[in-house]
Amino acid sequence: MDEFSLLRSFFFTRMKRHPNAEAVYDYQTGMRYSYVQLQQRAWRLSRFLKRKGLAKGDRMGIFSRNDMVYIDAYYAFPYTGIIITSYNVHISSSELAFLLTREKPRILFYDPDFEDRTVEIQKILPDCILVKLSSQDTSGRDSYGDVMSAPLPDEPTLLKIGMEDTLQLLHTGGTTGLPKAAKIPCRQIYFNAVGQQNAWDLRSTDSTIAYLPMFHTGTWNTLVTPMLYSGGRVILLRRFDPDTVLDMIQTEHVSILWGVPTVYRRLMEHSRFETADFKSIRCCRCGAAPPALDMMEKYWEKGIYFCNGYGMTETSPGNLSMPAATLSITQLTQKRTSCGMLMPYNEARIVDDQDRSLPPGKKGELLFRGNLLFSGYWEDPEETEKAIRNGWFHTGDMAMKDEDGFYYIVGRKKNMYITSGENIFPQDVEEALFRNPNVMDVAVLGMPDKICGEVGKAVVVIRPGEVLTEEELRLFAQKELPAIQRPVYYTFVKALPRTAVGKLDMKELKRLYGSISGFQDGWNS
């Protein structure tokens, strides 16, 4: 089977074999769409884009919270070859200008809630066609409601789409600098969806909730594309709301959840959590940041298979997962800090600073290669060459593999600091401080020190209603950590800065708390 036929089967088998099965429930509008209706929506969008003069390789922008347009554009791609590029709605004006100037979308679909930002968009790209994601528009612009209410056209002609054709530009988190646009080829989409179905045993009877932003890879490639490939159902929410999620779990019999620690904690601390019916849930998958033990234990107590995983925009994100079909919850607790084992279609290495492979038990940088890799950064060959060397993608994450083949992320290489010649990984320190029952959130930074070179600074969020002094936390750290790892500085704050998907925003964290008033000599002994 050639690439064209393979991808045609990948995109449209469900439309042919299970046309009337429910594919998407759009909670905001109350509309439920079957697989064949998704295909018909793609036909309407394809005709509209072609009438506007767009052709294969052009960029179609989306500036919106979760909306059907993301899914429509995905299924329209085999007919148009138009690359989807979606923008974080919380992005700064300077970052948005940087991305728009580099990517030059010819058309942009925008959420009416962000009407005010269309002014800056048009200043940057005056010829860009703006389409409001509403039922109608009185300003003279096209509305998406009109696009979708137009008469159904005949099925458009499928293009000769190959595995290396770019389907999406997905932006990296931008937690430490300007975001970069990763080119996501059909190859990555295909092998990720197949691999996710394999690793998580996804079925046509499964349902999931897409409540974190679809302009990031997590919701899109961890949930939406694998679930639709598997013939399951996606419940589309514009934003996370714990009451709505708890309602959906019960009334819609949700079986798979993906989220980040902050949203799982909000669910756990909700007044309805203890009595909520989670019988339909087969698995809660956590990503973007390591979950705290107290939170994992709450889900395990309810009989929920709650586990961590790992992936990146550039690497699919189907890279590491727990073997959910074979591990019991009891066995899972023994590997609780692990991100799991290698998922299908990729290889991994852990290397030292000279790119030499390290044996199990040794910490080094995590590298990936295989069919799940992106094809480079958009118009940025220099950054691409830095990231991919000798066919291996350098993640910048420090990891360790145990004798059983389970991987553990120990921190970011950039965030590691050196105290008296010893590498200190903030995550190790954070995990120890998290064991204090009054600590709700914590991040550790490296600070300059006259004698030691660098020492740690803990930025701490205290659990609401609790009291915790600096002296109490210092005494706790003395029991939990060796002297060289104990933070020298402590700062107590109301909340840590995080991105839209719950990742710690290191750029903002360092801006707010990355300074000290004078130097401290040495660490706490």
Foldseek 3Di string as FASTA:
>chain_A
DAQQVVVCCLLCVCCVPPVAFWAEQAVVVRDTHGNVRLLLLLQLVLVVCVVVPAAAPAEEEEQAFWDCVVSSLLSNCQQGNHAYAYDDNPDDLVLVLVVCLQRVHQEYEYEPVVVVCVVSVCVSVVRRQYEYADLADDPPGHYVVVSRPDDGDDRHDGDRAGQQRFHYFAWFPQLAHRIFTFGAGNLQLRVLLVLLCVQVVAALAAEEEQAFGPSHCCSVRNPRSNNVSRNHYYYYDRHDDLVVVLVCCPPVLHAEYEAEQVSLVVNLPDPCNVVGDNPSYAAYEYEQDQHAPVSVVSCVVVVHHYAYAAAGPQQSGQFADASSVPDHSVRCVVVRQFNHAGIPFKDKFFAAPVRDGDDAPDKGWIKMAGSNGTPATRPCVPVRCVQAPPRIGTPQWIWGAHPVRTIHTQAGVVQWDFFQRDTAHQSLLQNQLSVPVQFPDKTWGWAQAPAGRTFIEIETETDPPDDDDPVNSQVSCVVRDDQRHRGQHYHYDNDFDADSRGHGSNNVNCVVPVDDDDHDHHTDD
